[in-house]
Structures are given as structure tokens and as C-alpha cells.
């Protein structure tokens, strides 16, 4: 059954590659037509998208997305198209590769091609979400402009946006510097988690929304939070948690802390500019600083000889793993349990090389014998499924001070 699913997935990828080719051909035909009709000049993509939208019964925005990605894929990224056609990538993976590859200025064709090749290799062995995190770090190594310069320009675009939705609802979005955005989210998340309990009917997502609304509409002054029916309530003494500060790991190369220009890294997001890294490492109590070796990039940590994991070792493992180490799981390590890969009862040590972050769900599946894990070297996890399939995952490397692009 697992093999059959793989075959189906490969066939679907092949069909998606043919779709990209046909969509691009449709755009080419429309472009040829507009040469003879000046009224349509500049509307080739729009007209093509409306045609596809009607034929496939999909929203025009979806059709426009399809046209944009298909033409990029077939005209500028043939290696990615080939990987899709041969089943190495799914359509979502292929589109993600194209978006990441296109995010770097095409100033050096050799570097661009090598970047695409690296992206394909990364995308072919993980989920789209994890791939984007890894690609973000690789992008920082290769981008010709420093992250500090880009961040200085990007911060000018900050803003808050309100988009009406259906049924009396709306989307509230904020585009902010990452240290502010992460700090806000983790503070809301920490307060929401503190309200969870056997008598609390709301989901964690609902609690986050209620906490955010309560704080921003000043209802928190009374210590009250609206329940799922928008009635004021005061579960678990919520007013006690407005001062809670969540913990977020910020990894900083030692030389950056001393004034260097190597990027730092914020857990759950990726590279941050050196100035922000120094600020968070030195002055923000809700961020836990993790220093790295100036030459090897190795993180500091220590082993333990007892079952209980000491605090510094907990931090080191969580920073290394970033997320739950089960294949495809994106649960942040800070919210995961630390599991002895080789059980303590069977002689497994409480050490950096025998601990891994597993979310409660996957930890339970391991404990009940459905999934098995091995850790041949620190941070390298081999997961074995109930069907006997094996999946290899490795931790993302820490940021290093190297300024030269990595060899390809």
C-alpha cells in the first residue's frame, strides 16, 4: 500500500508537470493572438487566467497563480520542472523551489543554477514548511546584499491590515520586524496555554485569538476574556498571565556578539540581521541566548549522567532540533518533550547524542511501539514507520560566520 501511494504521487507529479507545460503553451498562444489585436496588449496573463478559471472551475486568483508559476517553472527553471516530471518533487514543492530561487537577484547564472540544484535536493526529502525554513538559511548565504541592508529597507513596509471576511469575521494582519512579531506571538501563545485545562472548552487557536483581542481592546484590565460565545469570563485567573514572557531561542555567533556581521538566527523564523541578534541576546529577557563557536559554528552544551535533563542540555537539544524530529512534524521544539532515543531503562544516556525533541503525539506513538527511532550521531535521526519505511532527518546547521558561498 505504501508503494502504491508512492506510485500515485509520482503519477500526479508527472501530470502536474504536463499541466505546467500546457498552461505555458496556452499563454504563448494568447500572446501570439494579442500581437494582432492591440486591445489585448499587456493582458495576456489575465486573459489566459480567465480562460483557465472557467475551464477548470477554479477562482481566477488561483488560475493567475497557476499561470505565473507554470511559466516561471517551464521557462526559467527546467531542472525543477524535470524533478517534478520524474516524481522527485510534488507541485507544491516545485512551486516553493521556484519562489525561493526567484528571490535572489539573477546576477550570476552559475550561482543561480547551483542554488536551484541545492533547493531541489532539499525539497525532495522534506515537507514544504521545513524546506522553506532550510531554504531561507541557504538564501542568506548566497544573497548578494547583506541582511542588514535588506532589513533596513523592508522595515519601511511595516503595517497593519484589515481584510473583511464572511459571517461577521475579518482578518487582522501585521507585517513587523521578526523580533517584534515573534515576541508578540509567543507572549499571546504563553498566556493562551496557561488558560488551558480540563474545564476550558476552547481550543488553543481560539484561546490565542481571545487573548489577543482582550489585550488590544483593553478588556484585560479587568482580567476578563470572552468565551467562545463572546461572554466575559475569567478562567483560571487569566489576569495573572498578562506579564508572562515566553522564551524564544536566539542563536548568535560569538563574533557577531562582539560586533561582527554574521547573521544570527531566531527560533521558528530563521536568519536575522546582526544588530537585532545582538539586541535580543543582550537586552531581551524573553529570549534565551545560545552562543556558537566562532570557527566551527558548534553550539555550546553539556551531557548529563542522570535521567533528568539539566537545563543547559534541554536548551542545547531544543535549539539543535528546532522542531519535533518526527518526519514532517513542524511543532516547535520549545513545546515538545525531550525523548531518550535509546530508552533510559535500556541503558540509554541522558546526553546530547541520545536526546531528541518529540511532540506529545509522536512521543506517544514511539512509546506504544508504532514508530521507532535511532540516533547514530548527535542530531541525526532515523525514523522507522510501522510499515518498515525509514526516514532520515538531520538538524539544520547553526549559523556560521563564513561569508563565502558554500561549495556546490
Protein backbone atom coordinates (compact mmCIF):
# COMPACT_ATOMS: atom_id res chain seq x y z
CA UNK A 1 0.00 0.00 0.00
CA UNK A 2 2.85 2.41 0.79
CA UNK A 3 4.47 1.60 -2.57
CA UNK A 4 1.15 2.15 -4.33
CA UNK A 5 0.78 5.57 -2.71
CA UNK A 6 4.28 6.48 -3.86
CA UNK A 7 3.41 5.42 -7.42
CA UNK A 8 0.25 7.52 -7.34
CA UNK A 9 2.20 10.50 -6.06
CA UNK A 10 4.77 10.17 -8.87
CA UNK A 11 1.97 9.93 -11.45
CA UNK A 12 0.33 13.03 -10.01
CA UNK A 13 3.63 14.92 -10.20
CA UNK A 14 4.03 13.90 -13.85
CA UNK A 15 0.54 15.20 -14.59
CA UNK A 16 1.30 18.46 -12.79
CA UNK A 17 4.40 18.91 -14.95
CA UNK A 18 2.31 18.38 -18.10
CA UNK A 19 -0.22 20.89 -16.75
CA UNK A 20 2.55 23.48 -16.35
CA UNK A 21 3.64 22.90 -19.95
CA UNK A 22 0.09 23.17 -21.30
CA UNK A 23 -0.65 26.33 -19.29
CA UNK A 24 2.54 27.93 -20.59
CA UNK A 25 1.60 26.95 -24.12
CA UNK A 26 -1.85 28.48 -23.62
CA UNK A 27 -0.18 31.73 -22.57
CA UNK A 28 2.11 31.60 -25.61
CA UNK A 29 -0.90 31.16 -27.92
CA UNK A 30 -2.68 34.08 -26.27
CA UNK A 31 0.46 36.21 -26.65
CA UNK A 32 0.63 35.38 -30.33
CA UNK A 33 -3.01 36.38 -30.68
CA UNK A 34 -2.55 39.75 -28.95
CA UNK A 35 0.15 40.73 -31.42
CA UNK A 36 -2.66 41.06 -33.96
CA UNK A 37 -5.06 42.82 -31.59
CA UNK A 38 -3.63 45.92 -29.82
CA UNK A 39 -6.61 45.97 -27.43
CA UNK A 40 -5.18 42.94 -25.60
CA UNK A 41 -1.57 44.12 -25.24
CA UNK A 42 -0.44 43.59 -21.67
CA UNK A 43 -3.46 41.43 -20.82
CA UNK A 44 -2.06 38.11 -21.96
CA UNK A 45 -1.75 36.60 -18.47
CA UNK A 46 -5.09 37.98 -17.32
CA UNK A 47 -6.95 36.66 -20.34
CA UNK A 48 -5.25 33.28 -20.10
CA UNK A 49 -6.11 33.05 -16.41
CA UNK A 50 -9.78 33.81 -17.05
CA UNK A 51 -9.86 31.09 -19.70
CA UNK A 52 -8.34 28.55 -17.34
CA UNK A 53 -10.55 29.67 -14.48
CA UNK A 54 -13.69 28.96 -16.48
CA UNK A 55 -12.45 25.69 -17.90
CA UNK A 56 -11.30 24.24 -14.57
CA UNK A 57 -13.96 25.92 -12.41
CA UNK A 58 -11.39 27.50 -10.09
CA UNK A 59 -11.15 31.10 -8.81
CA UNK A 60 -9.39 33.48 -11.15
CA UNK A 61 -6.77 34.24 -8.50
CA UNK A 62 -5.97 30.53 -8.39
CA UNK A 63 -5.73 30.46 -12.18
CA UNK A 64 -3.44 33.52 -12.16
CA UNK A 65 -1.21 31.74 -9.67
CA UNK A 66 -1.15 28.70 -11.94
CA UNK A 67 -0.15 30.78 -14.96
CA UNK A 68 2.57 32.64 -13.06
CA UNK A 69 4.16 29.55 -11.53
CA UNK A 70 3.82 27.43 -14.66
CA UNK A 71 5.59 29.96 -16.87
CA UNK A 72 8.38 30.51 -14.35
CA UNK A 73 8.82 26.76 -13.99
CA UNK A 74 8.93 25.91 -17.68
CA UNK A 75 10.86 28.93 -18.97
CA UNK A 76 13.43 29.63 -16.27
CA UNK A 77 13.78 26.56 -14.05
CA UNK A 78 13.98 23.47 -16.27
CA UNK A 79 15.80 21.44 -13.61
CA UNK A 80 12.88 21.92 -11.23
CA UNK A 81 10.42 21.03 -13.98
CA UNK A 82 12.35 17.82 -14.66
CA UNK A 83 12.33 16.97 -10.93
CA UNK A 84 8.55 17.43 -10.92
CA UNK A 85 8.08 15.39 -14.07
CA UNK A 86 10.11 12.47 -12.71
CA UNK A 87 8.24 12.45 -9.40
CA UNK A 88 11.11 13.74 -7.30
CA UNK A 89 9.03 16.77 -6.26
CA UNK A 90 5.32 17.43 -5.77
CA UNK A 91 3.73 20.50 -7.32
CA UNK A 92 3.76 22.37 -4.01
CA UNK A 93 7.45 21.56 -3.57
CA UNK A 94 8.25 22.62 -7.14
CA UNK A 95 6.42 25.91 -6.75
CA UNK A 96 8.21 26.54 -3.46
CA UNK A 97 11.58 25.90 -5.16
CA UNK A 98 10.70 28.38 -7.91
CA UNK A 99 9.65 31.05 -5.40
CA UNK A 100 12.83 30.62 -3.37
CA UNK A 101 15.09 30.53 -6.45
CA UNK A 102 13.47 33.67 -7.85
CA UNK A 103 14.04 35.55 -4.58
CA UNK A 104 17.76 36.01 -5.29
CA UNK A 105 18.82 38.54 -7.96
CA UNK A 106 19.99 36.78 -11.11
CA UNK A 107 23.42 38.42 -11.14
CA UNK A 108 25.46 35.24 -11.53
CA UNK A 109 23.91 32.43 -13.63
CA UNK A 110 26.32 29.85 -12.18
CA UNK A 111 25.37 30.69 -8.59
CA UNK A 112 21.67 30.79 -9.52
CA UNK A 113 21.81 27.34 -11.13
CA UNK A 114 23.72 25.93 -8.17
CA UNK A 115 21.19 27.48 -5.80
CA UNK A 116 18.34 25.83 -7.72
CA UNK A 117 20.12 22.46 -7.58
CA UNK A 118 20.61 22.75 -3.82
CA UNK A 119 16.96 23.72 -3.38
CA UNK A 120 15.76 20.71 -5.36
CA UNK A 121 17.86 18.39 -3.22
CA UNK A 122 16.49 19.89 -0.02
CA UNK A 123 12.86 19.96 -1.17
CA UNK A 124 12.91 16.33 -2.29
CA UNK A 125 13.44 14.96 1.23
CA UNK A 126 11.16 17.03 3.47
CA UNK A 127 7.87 18.88 3.78
CA UNK A 128 7.25 22.25 2.15
CA UNK A 129 7.21 24.04 5.52
CA UNK A 130 10.56 22.59 6.63
CA UNK A 131 12.02 23.16 3.16
CA UNK A 132 11.18 26.86 3.33
CA UNK A 133 12.97 27.17 6.66
CA UNK A 134 16.09 25.46 5.26
CA UNK A 135 15.91 27.45 2.01
CA UNK A 136 15.71 30.69 3.95
CA UNK A 137 19.04 29.95 5.62
CA UNK A 138 20.70 28.93 2.35
CA UNK A 139 19.35 32.10 0.72
CA UNK A 140 21.13 34.18 3.34
CA UNK A 141 24.46 32.58 2.44
CA UNK A 142 24.08 33.39 -1.25
CA UNK A 143 22.21 36.70 -1.40
CA UNK A 144 24.49 39.43 -2.78
CA UNK A 145 23.01 42.06 -0.43
CA UNK A 146 23.52 41.88 3.34
CA UNK A 147 20.56 41.01 5.55
CA UNK A 148 21.11 44.24 7.47
CA UNK A 149 20.65 46.32 4.31
CA UNK A 150 17.60 44.34 3.23
CA UNK A 151 16.03 44.54 6.68
CA UNK A 152 16.53 48.31 6.74
CA UNK A 153 14.55 48.61 3.51
CA UNK A 154 11.92 46.01 4.44
CA UNK A 155 11.05 47.63 7.77
CA UNK A 156 9.74 50.64 5.87
CA UNK A 157 6.94 48.40 4.58
CA UNK A 158 5.68 47.54 8.09
CA UNK A 159 1.95 47.91 8.62
CA UNK A 160 -1.30 46.52 9.99
CA UNK A 161 -4.03 45.41 7.60
CA UNK A 162 -7.71 44.57 7.97
CA UNK A 163 -9.41 42.32 5.40
CA UNK A 164 -13.18 41.74 5.77
CA UNK A 165 -14.38 38.14 5.61
CA UNK A 166 -17.74 36.36 5.76
CA UNK A 167 -20.16 35.84 8.66
CA UNK A 168 -19.17 38.91 10.61
CA UNK A 169 -15.46 37.99 10.71
CA UNK A 170 -12.29 39.66 9.43
CA UNK A 171 -8.56 39.00 9.08
CA UNK A 172 -6.20 41.23 11.08
CA UNK A 173 -2.62 41.07 9.81
CA UNK A 174 0.56 42.78 10.93
CA UNK A 175 3.79 42.99 8.93
CA UNK A 176 6.50 43.65 11.51
CA UNK A 177 10.21 43.14 12.21
CA UNK A 178 10.61 39.50 13.20
CA UNK A 179 11.76 40.16 16.76
CA UNK A 180 8.56 42.12 17.42
CA UNK A 181 6.30 39.64 15.63
CA UNK A 182 7.81 36.60 17.36
CA UNK A 183 7.72 38.29 20.75
CA UNK A 184 4.03 39.20 20.33
CA UNK A 185 3.04 35.72 19.16
CA UNK A 186 4.93 33.87 21.87
CA UNK A 187 3.55 36.12 24.58
CA UNK A 188 -0.01 35.54 23.34
CA UNK A 189 0.68 31.82 22.98
CA UNK A 190 2.09 31.52 26.51
CA UNK A 191 -0.91 33.29 28.03
CA UNK A 192 -3.28 31.12 25.97
CA UNK A 193 -1.59 27.89 27.07
CA UNK A 194 -1.81 28.98 30.69
CA UNK A 195 -5.60 29.10 30.32
CA UNK A 196 -5.89 25.52 29.08
CA UNK A 197 -7.36 22.97 31.43
CA UNK A 198 -9.98 20.22 31.78
CA UNK A 199 -12.76 22.78 32.27
CA UNK A 200 -11.70 25.02 29.37
CA UNK A 201 -13.77 24.20 26.22
CA UNK A 202 -11.89 26.49 23.84
CA UNK A 203 -9.16 25.23 21.55
CA UNK A 204 -5.65 26.66 21.73
CA UNK A 205 -6.25 28.59 18.50
CA UNK A 206 -9.42 30.11 19.93
CA UNK A 207 -7.65 30.98 23.16
CA UNK A 208 -4.88 32.78 21.27
CA UNK A 209 -7.48 34.82 19.40
CA UNK A 210 -9.33 35.67 22.62
CA UNK A 211 -6.13 36.66 24.43
CA UNK A 212 -5.06 38.92 21.56
CA UNK A 213 -8.46 40.58 21.32
CA UNK A 214 -8.65 41.01 25.08
CA UNK A 215 -5.25 42.70 25.31
CA UNK A 216 -5.77 45.02 22.33
CA UNK A 217 -9.31 46.06 23.27
CA UNK A 218 -8.30 46.83 26.88
CA UNK A 219 -10.66 44.24 28.36
CA UNK A 220 -7.63 42.68 30.06
CA UNK A 221 -7.66 45.48 32.64
CA UNK A 222 -10.49 43.65 34.35
CA UNK A 223 -8.79 40.30 33.97
CA UNK A 224 -11.62 39.02 31.77
CA UNK A 225 -11.54 37.14 28.49
CA UNK A 226 -14.53 36.50 26.28
CA UNK A 227 -15.55 32.87 25.93
CA UNK A 228 -16.48 31.12 22.69
CA UNK A 229 -19.90 32.84 22.80
CA UNK A 230 -18.29 36.26 23.38
CA UNK A 231 -19.39 36.33 27.03
CA UNK A 232 -16.95 37.74 29.61
CA UNK A 233 -15.29 35.07 31.67
CA UNK A 234 -12.31 34.76 33.97
CA UNK A 235 -10.99 31.18 33.62
CA UNK A 236 -8.02 30.10 35.66
CA UNK A 237 -7.27 33.64 36.86
CA UNK A 238 -6.26 34.92 33.46
CA UNK A 239 -5.25 38.38 34.67
CA UNK A 240 -2.18 36.81 36.28
CA UNK A 241 -0.67 35.99 32.90
CA UNK A 242 -0.51 39.34 31.13
CA UNK A 243 3.01 39.84 32.46
CA UNK A 244 4.19 36.38 31.34
CA UNK A 245 7.05 36.47 28.88
CA UNK A 246 7.57 33.49 26.62
CA UNK A 247 11.01 32.04 25.95
CA UNK A 248 12.38 32.22 22.41
CA UNK A 249 15.86 30.98 21.48
CA UNK A 250 18.16 33.34 19.60
CA UNK A 251 21.38 31.81 18.27
CA UNK A 252 24.29 34.23 17.93
CA UNK A 253 27.81 33.54 16.64
CA UNK A 254 30.30 34.75 19.25
CA UNK A 255 31.95 37.15 16.80
CA UNK A 256 28.56 38.69 15.99
CA UNK A 257 28.06 39.39 19.68
CA UNK A 258 31.39 41.21 19.61
CA UNK A 259 30.35 43.35 16.65
CA UNK A 260 30.75 41.01 13.65
CA UNK A 261 28.37 40.94 10.69
CA UNK A 262 27.38 37.25 10.55
CA UNK A 263 23.58 36.79 10.84
CA UNK A 264 22.03 35.39 13.99
CA UNK A 265 19.05 33.07 13.99
CA UNK A 266 15.66 33.28 15.69
CA UNK A 267 13.92 30.03 16.53
CA UNK A 268 10.95 29.27 14.30
CA UNK A 269 11.85 32.01 11.81
CA UNK A 270 15.41 31.83 10.52
CA UNK A 271 18.23 34.35 9.91
CA UNK A 272 18.06 37.81 11.47
CA UNK A 273 20.36 40.77 10.97
CA UNK A 274 23.37 41.09 13.32
CA UNK A 275 22.12 44.22 15.10
CA UNK A 276 18.80 42.59 16.00
CA UNK A 277 20.64 39.45 17.14
CA UNK A 278 22.88 41.49 19.45
CA UNK A 279 19.91 43.37 20.84
CA UNK A 280 17.94 40.23 21.60
CA UNK A 281 20.93 38.42 23.05
CA UNK A 282 21.88 41.24 25.37
CA UNK A 283 18.74 43.03 26.43
CA UNK A 284 15.60 40.96 25.87
CA UNK A 285 14.73 38.78 28.91
CA UNK A 286 12.21 36.70 26.96
CA UNK A 287 14.90 35.47 24.56
CA UNK A 288 17.38 32.77 25.58
CA UNK A 289 20.83 33.36 24.11
CA UNK A 290 22.69 30.41 22.57
CA UNK A 291 26.28 31.17 21.56
CA UNK A 292 28.08 29.32 18.77
CA UNK A 293 31.76 28.68 18.20
CA UNK A 294 33.33 31.41 16.01
CA UNK A 295 35.01 28.92 13.65
CA UNK A 296 33.07 25.64 13.71
CA UNK A 297 29.61 27.04 14.44
CA UNK A 298 29.12 24.33 17.09
CA UNK A 299 26.60 25.10 19.83
CA UNK A 300 27.60 25.02 23.45
CA UNK A 301 26.09 22.27 25.63
CA UNK A 302 26.82 19.53 28.16
CA UNK A 303 25.93 15.90 28.75
CA UNK A 304 24.20 14.52 31.82
CA UNK A 305 24.56 11.24 33.70
CA UNK A 306 21.09 11.20 35.28
CA UNK A 307 17.64 10.63 33.82
CA UNK A 308 16.55 14.22 34.45
CA UNK A 309 17.77 16.52 31.69
CA UNK A 310 19.61 19.58 33.07
CA UNK A 311 18.52 23.00 31.90
CA UNK A 312 21.51 23.82 29.68
CA UNK A 313 21.24 20.45 27.93
CA UNK A 314 17.50 20.95 27.37
CA UNK A 315 18.21 24.27 25.68
CA UNK A 316 21.04 22.85 23.57
CA UNK A 317 18.91 19.96 22.25
CA UNK A 318 15.88 22.14 21.55
CA UNK A 319 17.96 24.69 19.68
CA UNK A 320 19.61 21.94 17.66
CA UNK A 321 16.34 20.24 16.74
CA UNK A 322 14.20 23.39 16.31
CA UNK A 323 11.08 21.27 15.78
CA UNK A 324 9.75 17.82 16.61
CA UNK A 325 12.09 15.34 14.90
CA UNK A 326 9.35 13.12 13.53
CA UNK A 327 9.43 13.34 9.71
CA UNK A 328 7.31 16.26 8.55
CA UNK A 329 6.26 17.48 12.00
CA UNK A 330 6.69 21.23 12.42
CA UNK A 331 5.86 21.55 16.12
CA UNK A 332 8.40 23.92 17.67
CA UNK A 333 10.89 22.13 19.90
CA UNK A 334 10.23 24.53 22.75
CA UNK A 335 6.75 22.96 23.03
CA UNK A 336 7.99 19.36 22.62
CA UNK A 337 9.10 16.73 25.10
CA UNK A 338 12.72 15.55 25.20
CA UNK A 339 12.88 11.85 24.49
CA UNK A 340 15.73 9.40 25.14
CA UNK A 341 16.20 7.84 21.68
CA UNK A 342 17.57 4.72 23.34
CA UNK A 343 15.38 4.37 26.45
CA UNK A 344 16.99 5.09 29.82
CA UNK A 345 15.69 1.73 31.05
CA UNK A 346 17.71 0.02 28.30
CA UNK A 347 20.97 1.80 29.06
CA UNK A 348 20.38 4.98 27.07
CA UNK A 349 22.19 8.02 28.42
CA UNK A 350 20.86 11.49 29.11
CA UNK A 351 23.20 13.03 26.58
CA UNK A 352 23.25 15.37 23.62
CA UNK A 353 23.59 12.35 21.32
CA UNK A 354 20.68 10.39 22.83
CA UNK A 355 18.05 13.10 23.25
CA UNK A 356 15.64 14.42 20.64
CA UNK A 357 12.58 16.64 20.63
CA UNK A 358 9.32 14.81 20.03
CA UNK A 359 5.89 16.36 20.32
CA UNK A 360 3.45 14.67 22.69
CA UNK A 361 1.70 12.86 19.83
CA UNK A 362 4.81 11.35 18.26
CA UNK A 363 6.38 10.64 21.63
CA UNK A 364 3.29 8.58 22.47
CA UNK A 365 3.45 6.72 19.16
CA UNK A 366 7.07 5.83 19.92
CA UNK A 367 6.26 4.74 23.46
CA UNK A 368 3.45 2.49 22.19
CA UNK A 369 5.77 0.87 19.66
CA UNK A 370 4.31 2.17 16.41
CA UNK A 371 7.29 4.29 15.38
CA UNK A 372 10.93 3.59 16.21
CA UNK A 373 13.88 5.99 16.17
CA UNK A 374 17.63 5.67 16.07
CA UNK A 375 20.27 8.39 16.51
CA UNK A 376 23.55 7.13 15.03
CA UNK A 377 25.20 10.50 15.67
CA UNK A 378 24.05 13.56 17.60
CA UNK A 379 21.08 15.13 15.88
CA UNK A 380 20.82 12.60 13.04
CA UNK A 381 17.52 10.78 13.44
CA UNK A 382 16.44 7.64 11.59
CA UNK A 383 12.68 7.16 11.94
CA UNK A 384 11.18 3.75 11.14
CA UNK A 385 7.49 3.63 10.31
CA UNK A 386 5.06 0.82 11.24
CA UNK A 387 5.30 -0.39 7.63
CA UNK A 388 9.09 -0.58 7.85
CA UNK A 389 9.80 2.57 5.83
CA UNK A 390 12.84 4.54 7.01
CA UNK A 391 13.20 8.32 7.01
CA UNK A 392 16.43 10.17 7.69
CA UNK A 393 16.31 13.66 9.17
CA UNK A 394 19.23 15.87 10.13
CA UNK A 395 19.22 19.03 12.21
CA UNK A 396 19.66 22.31 10.42
CA UNK A 397 23.24 23.59 10.84
CA UNK A 398 23.79 26.58 13.12
CA UNK A 399 24.58 29.93 11.52
CA UNK A 400 28.30 30.32 10.82
CA UNK A 401 30.40 33.43 10.28
CA UNK A 402 31.61 32.28 6.87
CA UNK A 403 30.99 34.99 4.30
CA UNK A 404 31.91 32.99 1.20
CA UNK A 405 29.16 30.93 -0.50
CA UNK A 406 29.35 27.19 0.30
CA UNK A 407 30.89 24.88 -2.32
CA UNK A 408 28.38 23.16 -4.59
